[in-house]
Amino acid sequence: MKRTLALSFAALLISGAAYAQSTVVTTGTAPTVTIEPQYRTRIHSYVTEQRPAPFEARERLVVGATLPADVELRAVPDDWGPAVTKYRYVYSNDRVVLVEPSTRRVIHIVE
C-alpha cells in the first residue's frame, strides 16, 4: 500500500514537472558545432540587416533544449558556412539559435 501511494505521488510530481516545462525541454547532449569567425561576422551582419522576427521564449534557451512544435524554424542562409547549412535557426533574445530540424533540439547559440 505504501509503495503504491509512493509511486502515485512520484507519477504526479513527474507529470507536473513535464507540464511546467512544456515550453523548452532539455534532454541529452547536442552535437558540437564550430563556427569560424568569418561566418560569425556574416551571421551578425545578417541579423543586423534583415532583423528577423524574434521568438519570445519563456525560459532562456540553452544547448540541448527542445523547441515546441509551434515555433517556426527558419532556413539558414548559405553564406553562414558549410557547418550550419543543414540546420535551421530562430532569433531569440538578440541571439541566433541553431536548431536540428528533425529533433528541434538547440545545437548551438551564436551570441
PDB file of N, CA and C in Angstrom:
ATOM      1  N   MET A   1       0.819  -1.188   0.000  1.00  0.00           N
ATOM      2  CA  MET A   1       0.000   0.000   0.000  1.00  0.00           C
ATOM      3  C   MET A   1       0.866   1.257   0.000  1.00  0.00           C
ATOM      4  N   LYS A   2       1.889   1.265   0.867  1.00  0.00           N
ATOM      5  CA  LYS A   2       2.778   2.422   0.922  1.00  0.00           C
ATOM      6  C   LYS A   2       3.509   2.611  -0.403  1.00  0.00           C
ATOM      7  N   ARG A   3       3.893   1.474  -1.006  1.00  0.00           N
ATOM      8  CA  ARG A   3       4.618   1.549  -2.276  1.00  0.00           C
ATOM      9  C   ARG A   3       3.715   2.127  -3.370  1.00  0.00           C
ATOM     10  N   THR A   4       2.472   1.700  -3.431  1.00  0.00           N
ATOM     11  CA  THR A   4       1.522   2.211  -4.420  1.00  0.00           C
ATOM     12  C   THR A   4       1.299   3.697  -4.230  1.00  0.00           C
ATOM     13  N   LEU A   5       1.158   4.119  -3.004  1.00  0.00           N
ATOM     14  CA  LEU A   5       0.971   5.534  -2.706  1.00  0.00           C
ATOM     15  C   LEU A   5       2.202   6.333  -3.108  1.00  0.00           C
ATOM     16  N   ALA A   6       3.388   5.811  -2.811  1.00  0.00           N
ATOM     17  CA  ALA A   6       4.631   6.497  -3.174  1.00  0.00           C
ATOM     18  C   ALA A   6       4.780   6.599  -4.687  1.00  0.00           C
ATOM     19  N   LEU A   7       4.458   5.517  -5.399  1.00  0.00           N
ATOM     20  CA  LEU A   7       4.545   5.532  -6.861  1.00  0.00           C
ATOM     21  C   LEU A   7       3.545   6.510  -7.470  1.00  0.00           C
ATOM     22  N   SER A   8       2.351   6.567  -6.909  1.00  0.00           N
ATOM     23  CA  SER A   8       1.335   7.506  -7.393  1.00  0.00           C
ATOM     24  C   SER A   8       1.796   8.936  -7.192  1.00  0.00           C
ATOM     25  N   PHE A   9       2.366   9.210  -6.036  1.00  0.00           N
ATOM     26  CA  PHE A   9       2.858  10.545  -5.735  1.00  0.00           C
ATOM     27  C   PHE A   9       4.006  10.925  -6.678  1.00  0.00           C
ATOM     28  N   ALA A  10       4.921   9.991  -6.931  1.00  0.00           N
ATOM     29  CA  ALA A  10       6.038  10.240  -7.841  1.00  0.00           C
ATOM     30  C   ALA A  10       5.538  10.518  -9.252  1.00  0.00           C
ATOM     31  N   ALA A  11       4.552   9.771  -9.713  1.00  0.00           N
ATOM     32  CA  ALA A  11       3.984   9.986 -11.045  1.00  0.00           C
ATOM     33  C   ALA A  11       3.341  11.364 -11.135  1.00  0.00           C
ATOM     34  N   LEU A  12       2.670  11.773 -10.088  1.00  0.00           N
ATOM     35  CA  LEU A  12       2.044  13.085 -10.053  1.00  0.00           C
ATOM     36  C   LEU A  12       3.100  14.187 -10.149  1.00  0.00           C
ATOM     37  N   LEU A  13       4.184  14.039  -9.408  1.00  0.00           N
ATOM     38  CA  LEU A  13       5.261  15.030  -9.457  1.00  0.00           C
ATOM     39  C   LEU A  13       5.891  15.107 -10.842  1.00  0.00           C
ATOM     40  N   ILE A  14       6.146  13.967 -11.449  1.00  0.00           N
ATOM     41  CA  ILE A  14       6.773  13.936 -12.767  1.00  0.00           C
ATOM     42  C   ILE A  14       5.860  14.567 -13.811  1.00  0.00           C
ATOM     43  N   SER A  15       4.576  14.260 -13.773  1.00  0.00           N
ATOM     44  CA  SER A  15       3.657  14.831 -14.762  1.00  0.00           C
ATOM     45  C   SER A  15       3.531  16.336 -14.572  1.00  0.00           C
ATOM     46  N   GLY A  16       3.566  16.805 -13.349  1.00  0.00           N
ATOM     47  CA  GLY A  16       3.517  18.246 -13.096  1.00  0.00           C
ATOM     48  C   GLY A  16       4.758  18.939 -13.605  1.00  0.00           C
ATOM     49  N   ALA A  17       5.912  18.321 -13.432  1.00  0.00           N
ATOM     50  CA  ALA A  17       7.163  18.910 -13.919  1.00  0.00           C
ATOM     51  C   ALA A  17       7.179  18.939 -15.437  1.00  0.00           C
ATOM     52  N   ALA A  18       6.684  17.889 -16.062  1.00  0.00           N
ATOM     53  CA  ALA A  18       6.640  17.852 -17.524  1.00  0.00           C
ATOM     54  C   ALA A  18       5.719  18.939 -18.052  1.00  0.00           C
ATOM     55  N   TYR A  19       4.579  19.147 -17.415  1.00  0.00           N
ATOM     56  CA  TYR A  19       3.657  20.183 -17.846  1.00  0.00           C
ATOM     57  C   TYR A  19       4.275  21.566 -17.673  1.00  0.00           C
ATOM     58  N   ALA A  20       4.970  21.794 -16.598  1.00  0.00           N
ATOM     59  CA  ALA A  20       5.578  23.095 -16.331  1.00  0.00           C
ATOM     60  C   ALA A  20       6.681  23.409 -17.329  1.00  0.00           C
ATOM     61  N   GLN A  21       7.289  22.403 -17.935  1.00  0.00           N
ATOM     62  CA  GLN A  21       8.375  22.626 -18.875  1.00  0.00           C
ATOM     63  C   GLN A  21       7.923  22.465 -20.314  1.00  0.00           C
ATOM     64  N   SER A  22       6.678  22.705 -20.611  1.00  0.00           N
ATOM     65  CA  SER A  22       6.178  22.489 -21.958  1.00  0.00           C
ATOM     66  C   SER A  22       6.787  23.439 -22.978  1.00  0.00           C
ATOM     67  N   THR A  23       7.385  24.539 -22.541  1.00  0.00           N
ATOM     68  CA  THR A  23       7.987  25.480 -23.467  1.00  0.00           C
ATOM     69  C   THR A  23       9.320  24.972 -23.984  1.00  0.00           C
ATOM     70  N   VAL A  24      10.213  24.581 -23.113  1.00  0.00           N
ATOM     71  CA  VAL A  24      11.541  24.116 -23.511  1.00  0.00           C
ATOM     72  C   VAL A  24      11.918  22.939 -22.628  1.00  0.00           C
ATOM     73  N   VAL A  25      12.291  21.836 -23.244  1.00  0.00           N
ATOM     74  CA  VAL A  25      12.679  20.644 -22.509  1.00  0.00           C
ATOM     75  C   VAL A  25      14.132  20.325 -22.834  1.00  0.00           C
ATOM     76  N   THR A  26      14.952  20.095 -21.830  1.00  0.00           N
ATOM     77  CA  THR A  26      16.359  19.769 -22.035  1.00  0.00           C
ATOM     78  C   THR A  26      16.563  18.285 -21.831  1.00  0.00           C
ATOM     79  N   THR A  27      17.128  17.644 -22.868  1.00  0.00           N
ATOM     80  CA  THR A  27      17.394  16.213 -22.779  1.00  0.00           C
ATOM     81  C   THR A  27      18.692  15.883 -23.497  1.00  0.00           C
ATOM     82  N   GLY A  28      19.501  15.047 -22.926  1.00  0.00           N
ATOM     83  CA  GLY A  28      20.701  14.531 -23.587  1.00  0.00           C
ATOM     84  C   GLY A  28      21.704  15.606 -23.973  1.00  0.00           C
ATOM     85  N   THR A  29      22.577  15.233 -24.905  1.00  0.00           N
ATOM     86  CA  THR A  29      23.589  16.162 -25.374  1.00  0.00           C
ATOM     87  C   THR A  29      23.339  16.494 -26.830  1.00  0.00           C
ATOM     88  N   ALA A  30      23.783  17.647 -27.240  1.00  0.00           N
ATOM     89  CA  ALA A  30      23.617  18.092 -28.616  1.00  0.00           C
ATOM     90  C   ALA A  30      24.944  17.946 -29.357  1.00  0.00           C
ATOM     91  N   PRO A  31      24.882  17.829 -30.692  1.00  0.00           N
ATOM     92  CA  PRO A  31      26.133  17.745 -31.448  1.00  0.00           C
ATOM     93  C   PRO A  31      26.947  19.029 -31.302  1.00  0.00           C
ATOM     94  N   THR A  32      28.234  18.921 -31.437  1.00  0.00           N
ATOM     95  CA  THR A  32      29.105  20.084 -31.330  1.00  0.00           C
ATOM     96  C   THR A  32      29.253  20.736 -32.696  1.00  0.00           C
ATOM     97  N   VAL A  33      29.073  22.045 -32.749  1.00  0.00           N
ATOM     98  CA  VAL A  33      29.202  22.798 -33.987  1.00  0.00           C
ATOM     99  C   VAL A  33      30.251  23.881 -33.766  1.00  0.00           C
ATOM    100  N   THR A  34      31.189  23.976 -34.703  1.00  0.00           N
ATOM    101  CA  THR A  34      32.200  25.024 -34.639  1.00  0.00           C
ATOM    102  C   THR A  34      31.954  25.993 -35.789  1.00  0.00           C
ATOM    103  N   ILE A  35      31.756  27.257 -35.456  1.00  0.00           N
ATOM    104  CA  ILE A  35      31.531  28.281 -36.470  1.00  0.00           C
ATOM    105  C   ILE A  35      32.759  29.187 -36.495  1.00  0.00           C
ATOM    106  N   GLU A  36      33.388  29.253 -37.648  1.00  0.00           N
ATOM    107  CA  GLU A  36      34.603  30.057 -37.787  1.00  0.00           C
ATOM    108  C   GLU A  36      34.266  31.540 -37.708  1.00  0.00           C
ATOM    109  N   PRO A  37      35.250  32.365 -37.284  1.00  0.00           N
ATOM    110  CA  PRO A  37      34.995  33.795 -37.064  1.00  0.00           C
ATOM    111  C   PRO A  37      34.384  34.534 -38.258  1.00  0.00           C
ATOM    112  N   GLN A  38      34.830  34.229 -39.481  1.00  0.00           N
ATOM    113  CA  GLN A  38      34.282  34.955 -40.641  1.00  0.00           C
ATOM    114  C   GLN A  38      32.792  34.660 -40.829  1.00  0.00           C
ATOM    115  N   TYR A  39      32.361  33.444 -40.458  1.00  0.00           N
ATOM    116  CA  TYR A  39      30.947  33.117 -40.567  1.00  0.00           C
ATOM    117  C   TYR A  39      30.152  33.746 -39.430  1.00  0.00           C
ATOM    118  N   ARG A  40      30.753  33.867 -38.259  1.00  0.00           N
ATOM    119  CA  ARG A  40      30.080  34.558 -37.152  1.00  0.00           C
ATOM    120  C   ARG A  40      29.805  36.015 -37.546  1.00  0.00           C
ATOM    121  N   THR A  41      30.762  36.631 -38.234  1.00  0.00           N
ATOM    122  CA  THR A  41      30.588  38.005 -38.700  1.00  0.00           C
ATOM    123  C   THR A  41      29.430  38.087 -39.689  1.00  0.00           C
ATOM    124  N   ARG A  42      29.330  37.122 -40.594  1.00  0.00           N
ATOM    125  CA  ARG A  42      28.233  37.102 -41.567  1.00  0.00           C
ATOM    126  C   ARG A  42      26.889  36.913 -40.877  1.00  0.00           C
ATOM    127  N   ILE A  43      26.846  36.065 -39.866  1.00  0.00           N
ATOM    128  CA  ILE A  43      25.605  35.836 -39.125  1.00  0.00           C
ATOM    129  C   ILE A  43      25.161  37.124 -38.440  1.00  0.00           C
ATOM    130  N   HIS A  44      26.096  37.804 -37.787  1.00  0.00           N
ATOM    131  CA  HIS A  44      25.758  39.057 -37.104  1.00  0.00           C
ATOM    132  C   HIS A  44      25.317  40.121 -38.101  1.00  0.00           C
ATOM    133  N   SER A  45      25.974  40.200 -39.258  1.00  0.00           N
ATOM    134  CA  SER A  45      25.582  41.165 -40.293  1.00  0.00           C
ATOM    135  C   SER A  45      24.171  40.872 -40.796  1.00  0.00           C
ATOM    136  N   TYR A  46      23.879  39.606 -41.009  1.00  0.00           N
ATOM    137  CA  TYR A  46      22.562  39.205 -41.490  1.00  0.00           C
ATOM    138  C   TYR A  46      21.475  39.629 -40.502  1.00  0.00           C
ATOM    139  N   VAL A  47      21.699  39.341 -39.245  1.00  0.00           N
ATOM    140  CA  VAL A  47      20.702  39.676 -38.219  1.00  0.00           C
ATOM    141  C   VAL A  47      20.512  41.188 -38.122  1.00  0.00           C
ATOM    142  N   THR A  48      21.600  41.942 -38.228  1.00  0.00           N
ATOM    143  CA  THR A  48      21.527  43.401 -38.160  1.00  0.00           C
ATOM    144  C   THR A  48      20.762  43.968 -39.352  1.00  0.00           C
ATOM    145  N   GLU A  49      21.025  43.419 -40.535  1.00  0.00           N
ATOM    146  CA  GLU A  49      20.397  43.940 -41.751  1.00  0.00           C
ATOM    147  C   GLU A  49      18.968  43.431 -41.941  1.00  0.00           C
ATOM    148  N   GLN A  50      18.731  42.150 -41.733  1.00  0.00           N
ATOM    149  CA  GLN A  50      17.428  41.536 -42.014  1.00  0.00           C
ATOM    150  C   GLN A  50      16.420  41.667 -40.879  1.00  0.00           C
ATOM    151  N   ARG A  51      16.903  41.818 -39.669  1.00  0.00           N
ATOM    152  CA  ARG A  51      16.049  41.945 -38.484  1.00  0.00           C
ATOM    153  C   ARG A  51      14.932  40.894 -38.448  1.00  0.00           C
ATOM    154  N   PRO A  52      15.321  39.615 -38.315  1.00  0.00           N
ATOM    155  CA  PRO A  52      14.286  38.565 -38.274  1.00  0.00           C
ATOM    156  C   PRO A  52      13.384  38.742 -37.053  1.00  0.00           C
ATOM    157  N   ALA A  53      12.129  38.369 -37.214  1.00  0.00           N
ATOM    158  CA  ALA A  53      11.182  38.459 -36.095  1.00  0.00           C
ATOM    159  C   ALA A  53      11.653  37.540 -34.977  1.00  0.00           C
ATOM    160  N   PRO A  54      11.735  38.059 -33.763  1.00  0.00           N
ATOM    161  CA  PRO A  54      12.246  37.226 -32.662  1.00  0.00           C
ATOM    162  C   PRO A  54      11.210  36.247 -32.131  1.00  0.00           C
ATOM    163  N   PHE A  55      11.722  35.138 -31.614  1.00  0.00           N
ATOM    164  CA  PHE A  55      10.912  34.154 -30.894  1.00  0.00           C
ATOM    165  C   PHE A  55      11.046  34.499 -29.424  1.00  0.00           C
ATOM    166  N   GLU A  56       9.935  34.724 -28.747  1.00  0.00           N
ATOM    167  CA  GLU A  56       9.942  35.068 -27.333  1.00  0.00           C
ATOM    168  C   GLU A  56       9.828  33.802 -26.492  1.00  0.00           C
ATOM    169  N   ALA A  57      10.933  33.328 -25.986  1.00  0.00           N
ATOM    170  CA  ALA A  57      10.942  32.126 -25.146  1.00  0.00           C
ATOM    171  C   ALA A  57      10.604  32.509 -23.711  1.00  0.00           C
ATOM    172  N   ARG A  58       9.862  31.651 -23.041  1.00  0.00           N
ATOM    173  CA  ARG A  58       9.536  31.896 -21.628  1.00  0.00           C
ATOM    174  C   ARG A  58      10.755  31.693 -20.739  1.00  0.00           C
ATOM    175  N   GLU A  59      11.628  30.790 -21.173  1.00  0.00           N
ATOM    176  CA  GLU A  59      12.846  30.489 -20.430  1.00  0.00           C
ATOM    177  C   GLU A  59      14.033  30.747 -21.339  1.00  0.00           C
ATOM    178  N   ARG A  60      15.190  30.942 -20.757  1.00  0.00           N
ATOM    179  CA  ARG A  60      16.404  31.143 -21.552  1.00  0.00           C
ATOM    180  C   ARG A  60      16.726  29.851 -22.292  1.00  0.00           C
ATOM    181  N   LEU A  61      16.951  29.963 -23.593  1.00  0.00           N
ATOM    182  CA  LEU A  61      17.277  28.790 -24.393  1.00  0.00           C
ATOM    183  C   LEU A  61      18.718  28.373 -24.159  1.00  0.00           C
ATOM    184  N   VAL A  62      18.931  27.073 -24.063  1.00  0.00           N
ATOM    185  CA  VAL A  62      20.262  26.516 -23.839  1.00  0.00           C
ATOM    186  C   VAL A  62      20.492  25.377 -24.827  1.00  0.00           C
ATOM    187  N   VAL A  63      21.756  25.071 -25.076  1.00  0.00           N
ATOM    188  CA  VAL A  63      22.098  23.947 -25.937  1.00  0.00           C
ATOM    189  C   VAL A  63      21.537  22.667 -25.318  1.00  0.00           C
ATOM    190  N   GLY A  64      20.864  21.874 -26.145  1.00  0.00           N
ATOM    191  CA  GLY A  64      20.248  20.644 -25.681  1.00  0.00           C
ATOM    192  C   GLY A  64      18.755  20.774 -25.448  1.00  0.00           C
ATOM    193  N   ALA A  65      18.245  22.006 -25.362  1.00  0.00           N
ATOM    194  CA  ALA A  65      16.813  22.218 -25.166  1.00  0.00           C
ATOM    195  C   ALA A  65      16.058  21.830 -26.430  1.00  0.00           C
ATOM    196  N   THR A  66      14.815  21.437 -26.271  1.00  0.00           N
ATOM    197  CA  THR A  66      13.958  21.095 -27.403  1.00  0.00           C
ATOM    198  C   THR A  66      12.890  22.165 -27.544  1.00  0.00           C
ATOM    199  N   LEU A  67      12.763  22.717 -28.761  1.00  0.00           N
ATOM    200  CA  LEU A  67      11.770  23.753 -29.004  1.00  0.00           C
ATOM    201  C   LEU A  67      10.412  23.128 -29.297  1.00  0.00           C
ATOM    202  N   PRO A  68       9.340  23.776 -28.871  1.00  0.00           N
ATOM    203  CA  PRO A  68       7.991  23.269 -29.140  1.00  0.00           C
ATOM    204  C   PRO A  68       7.707  23.231 -30.642  1.00  0.00           C
ATOM    205  N   ALA A  69       6.763  22.414 -31.033  1.00  0.00           N
ATOM    206  CA  ALA A  69       6.421  22.229 -32.449  1.00  0.00           C
ATOM    207  C   ALA A  69       5.862  23.492 -33.093  1.00  0.00           C
ATOM    208  N   ASP A  70       5.295  24.401 -32.307  1.00  0.00           N
ATOM    209  CA  ASP A  70       4.701  25.600 -32.897  1.00  0.00           C
ATOM    210  C   ASP A  70       5.704  26.727 -33.153  1.00  0.00           C
ATOM    211  N   VAL A  71       6.966  26.527 -32.820  1.00  0.00           N
ATOM    212  CA  VAL A  71       7.991  27.539 -33.073  1.00  0.00           C
ATOM    213  C   VAL A  71       8.449  27.402 -34.523  1.00  0.00           C
ATOM    214  N   GLU A  72       8.385  28.509 -35.270  1.00  0.00           N
ATOM    215  CA  GLU A  72       8.785  28.493 -36.675  1.00  0.00           C
ATOM    216  C   GLU A  72      10.311  28.478 -36.790  1.00  0.00           C
ATOM    217  N   LEU A  73      10.829  27.471 -37.473  1.00  0.00           N
ATOM    218  CA  LEU A  73      12.265  27.374 -37.721  1.00  0.00           C
ATOM    219  C   LEU A  73      12.546  27.931 -39.108  1.00  0.00           C
ATOM    220  N   ARG A  74      13.548  28.792 -39.202  1.00  0.00           N
ATOM    221  CA  ARG A  74      13.900  29.408 -40.479  1.00  0.00           C
ATOM    222  C   ARG A  74      15.108  28.709 -41.094  1.00  0.00           C
ATOM    223  N   ALA A  75      15.159  28.705 -42.418  1.00  0.00           N
ATOM    224  CA  ALA A  75      16.294  28.122 -43.129  1.00  0.00           C
ATOM    225  C   ALA A  75      17.537  28.971 -42.902  1.00  0.00           C
ATOM    226  N   VAL A  76      18.671  28.317 -42.742  1.00  0.00           N
ATOM    227  CA  VAL A  76      19.952  29.008 -42.569  1.00  0.00           C
ATOM    228  C   VAL A  76      20.448  29.444 -43.945  1.00  0.00           C
ATOM    229  N   PRO A  77      20.804  30.735 -44.110  1.00  0.00           N
ATOM    230  CA  PRO A  77      21.355  31.186 -45.390  1.00  0.00           C
ATOM    231  C   PRO A  77      22.653  30.448 -45.729  1.00  0.00           C
ATOM    232  N   ASP A  78      22.897  30.228 -47.014  1.00  0.00           N
ATOM    233  CA  ASP A  78      24.095  29.507 -47.471  1.00  0.00           C
ATOM    234  C   ASP A  78      25.397  30.175 -47.039  1.00  0.00           C
ATOM    235  N   ASP A  79      25.402  31.500 -46.953  1.00  0.00           N
ATOM    236  CA  ASP A  79      26.659  32.190 -46.629  1.00  0.00           C
ATOM    237  C   ASP A  79      27.021  32.166 -45.146  1.00  0.00           C
ATOM    238  N   TRP A  80      26.256  31.419 -44.332  1.00  0.00           N
ATOM    239  CA  TRP A  80      26.599  31.257 -42.912  1.00  0.00           C
ATOM    240  C   TRP A  80      27.636  30.166 -42.715  1.00  0.00           C
ATOM    241  N   GLY A  81      27.999  29.482 -43.777  1.00  0.00           N
ATOM    242  CA  GLY A  81      29.051  28.478 -43.693  1.00  0.00           C
ATOM    243  C   GLY A  81      28.543  27.063 -43.829  1.00  0.00           C
ATOM    244  N   PRO A  82      29.410  26.183 -44.333  1.00  0.00           N
ATOM    245  CA  PRO A  82      29.008  24.794 -44.583  1.00  0.00           C
ATOM    246  C   PRO A  82      28.698  23.998 -43.310  1.00  0.00           C
ATOM    247  N   ALA A  83      29.220  24.421 -42.178  1.00  0.00           N
ATOM    248  CA  ALA A  83      28.997  23.673 -40.931  1.00  0.00           C
ATOM    249  C   ALA A  83      27.571  23.799 -40.422  1.00  0.00           C
ATOM    250  N   VAL A  84      26.829  24.800 -40.897  1.00  0.00           N
ATOM    251  CA  VAL A  84      25.496  25.043 -40.328  1.00  0.00           C
ATOM    252  C   VAL A  84      24.350  24.986 -41.333  1.00  0.00           C
ATOM    253  N   THR A  85      24.629  24.776 -42.608  1.00  0.00           N
ATOM    254  CA  THR A  85      23.553  24.838 -43.613  1.00  0.00           C
ATOM    255  C   THR A  85      22.494  23.758 -43.443  1.00  0.00           C
ATOM    256  N   LYS A  86      22.810  22.662 -42.792  1.00  0.00           N
ATOM    257  CA  LYS A  86      21.810  21.603 -42.608  1.00  0.00           C
ATOM    258  C   LYS A  86      20.858  21.889 -41.447  1.00  0.00           C
ATOM    259  N   TYR A  87      21.138  22.925 -40.672  1.00  0.00           N
ATOM    260  CA  TYR A  87      20.317  23.267 -39.517  1.00  0.00           C
ATOM    261  C   TYR A  87      19.313  24.361 -39.860  1.00  0.00           C
ATOM    262  N   ARG A  88      18.458  24.677 -38.925  1.00  0.00           N
ATOM    263  CA  ARG A  88      17.527  25.801 -39.012  1.00  0.00           C
ATOM    264  C   ARG A  88      17.854  26.722 -37.844  1.00  0.00           C
ATOM    265  N   TYR A  89      17.224  27.908 -37.838  1.00  0.00           N
ATOM    266  CA  TYR A  89      17.510  28.830 -36.743  1.00  0.00           C
ATOM    267  C   TYR A  89      16.262  29.568 -36.297  1.00  0.00           C
ATOM    268  N   VAL A  90      16.331  30.076 -35.077  1.00  0.00           N
ATOM    269  CA  VAL A  90      15.375  31.047 -34.556  1.00  0.00           C
ATOM    270  C   VAL A  90      16.203  32.178 -33.976  1.00  0.00           C
ATOM    271  N   TYR A  91      15.596  33.347 -33.913  1.00  0.00           N
ATOM    272  CA  TYR A  91      16.253  34.505 -33.324  1.00  0.00           C
ATOM    273  C   TYR A  91      15.542  34.791 -32.016  1.00  0.00           C
ATOM    274  N   SER A  92      16.302  34.777 -30.922  1.00  0.00           N
ATOM    275  CA  SER A  92      15.696  34.954 -29.608  1.00  0.00           C
ATOM    276  C   SER A  92      16.669  35.665 -28.670  1.00  0.00           C
ATOM    277  N   ASN A  93      16.191  36.707 -27.997  1.00  0.00           N
ATOM    278  CA  ASN A  93      16.997  37.458 -27.023  1.00  0.00           C
ATOM    279  C   ASN A  93      18.330  37.916 -27.616  1.00  0.00           C
ATOM    280  N   ASP A  94      18.284  38.486 -28.825  1.00  0.00           N
ATOM    281  CA  ASP A  94      19.467  39.004 -29.517  1.00  0.00           C
ATOM    282  C   ASP A  94      20.513  37.933 -29.791  1.00  0.00           C
ATOM    283  N   ARG A  95      20.068  36.696 -29.924  1.00  0.00           N
ATOM    284  CA  ARG A  95      20.977  35.588 -30.220  1.00  0.00           C
ATOM    285  C   ARG A  95      20.384  34.741 -31.343  1.00  0.00           C
ATOM    286  N   VAL A  96      21.267  34.213 -32.170  1.00  0.00           N
ATOM    287  CA  VAL A  96      20.852  33.265 -33.202  1.00  0.00           C
ATOM    288  C   VAL A  96      20.982  31.872 -32.598  1.00  0.00           C
ATOM    289  N   VAL A  97      19.892  31.134 -32.609  1.00  0.00           N
ATOM    290  CA  VAL A  97      19.840  29.812 -32.006  1.00  0.00           C
ATOM    291  C   VAL A  97      19.722  28.788 -33.126  1.00  0.00           C
ATOM    292  N   LEU A  98      20.757  27.963 -33.308  1.00  0.00           N
ATOM    293  CA  LEU A  98      20.740  26.925 -34.333  1.00  0.00           C
ATOM    294  C   LEU A  98      20.036  25.692 -33.799  1.00  0.00           C
ATOM    295  N   VAL A  99      19.181  25.097 -34.644  1.00  0.00           N
ATOM    296  CA  VAL A  99      18.316  24.002 -34.223  1.00  0.00           C
ATOM    297  C   VAL A  99      18.415  22.851 -35.229  1.00  0.00           C
ATOM    298  N   GLU A 100      18.504  21.624 -34.711  1.00  0.00           N
ATOM    299  CA  GLU A 100      18.429  20.423 -35.552  1.00  0.00           C
ATOM    300  C   GLU A 100      16.960  20.268 -35.941  1.00  0.00           C
ATOM    301  N   PRO A 101      16.615  20.376 -37.246  1.00  0.00           N
ATOM    302  CA  PRO A 101      15.197  20.399 -37.617  1.00  0.00           C
ATOM    303  C   PRO A 101      14.419  19.120 -37.319  1.00  0.00           C
ATOM    304  N   SER A 102      15.043  17.961 -37.413  1.00  0.00           N
ATOM    305  CA  SER A 102      14.293  16.727 -37.203  1.00  0.00           C
ATOM    306  C   SER A 102      13.932  16.502 -35.738  1.00  0.00           C
ATOM    307  N   THR A 103      14.791  16.955 -34.824  1.00  0.00           N
ATOM    308  CA  THR A 103      14.528  16.762 -33.393  1.00  0.00           C
ATOM    309  C   THR A 103      14.096  18.040 -32.693  1.00  0.00           C
ATOM    310  N   ARG A 104      14.304  19.208 -33.358  1.00  0.00           N
ATOM    311  CA  ARG A 104      14.006  20.535 -32.813  1.00  0.00           C
ATOM    312  C   ARG A 104      14.872  20.866 -31.595  1.00  0.00           C
ATOM    313  N   ARG A 105      16.026  20.195 -31.477  1.00  0.00           N
ATOM    314  CA  ARG A 105      16.930  20.454 -30.362  1.00  0.00           C
ATOM    315  C   ARG A 105      17.896  21.578 -30.699  1.00  0.00           C
ATOM    316  N   VAL A 106      18.148  22.442 -29.726  1.00  0.00           N
ATOM    317  CA  VAL A 106      19.116  23.525 -29.875  1.00  0.00           C
ATOM    318  C   VAL A 106      20.506  22.892 -29.905  1.00  0.00           C
ATOM    319  N   ILE A 107      21.276  23.206 -30.949  1.00  0.00           N
ATOM    320  CA  ILE A 107      22.611  22.603 -31.060  1.00  0.00           C
ATOM    321  C   ILE A 107      23.719  23.642 -30.882  1.00  0.00           C
ATOM    322  N   HIS A 108      23.398  24.929 -31.038  1.00  0.00           N
ATOM    323  CA  HIS A 108      24.431  25.962 -30.873  1.00  0.00           C
ATOM    324  C   HIS A 108      23.739  27.319 -30.732  1.00  0.00           C
ATOM    325  N   ILE A 109      24.338  28.188 -29.950  1.00  0.00           N
ATOM    326  CA  ILE A 109      23.815  29.547 -29.784  1.00  0.00           C
ATOM    327  C   ILE A 109      24.919  30.524 -30.153  1.00  0.00           C
ATOM    328  N   VAL A 110      24.608  31.400 -31.122  1.00  0.00           N
ATOM    329  CA  VAL A 110      25.574  32.406 -31.555  1.00  0.00           C
ATOM    330  C   VAL A 110      25.262  33.674 -30.795  1.00  0.00           C
ATOM    331  N   GLU A 111      26.168  34.068 -29.918  1.00  0.00           N
ATOM    332  CA  GLU A 111      25.963  35.266 -29.095  1.00  0.00           C
ATOM    333  C   GLU A 111      26.241  36.511 -29.892  1.00  0.00           C
TER     334      GLU A 111
END
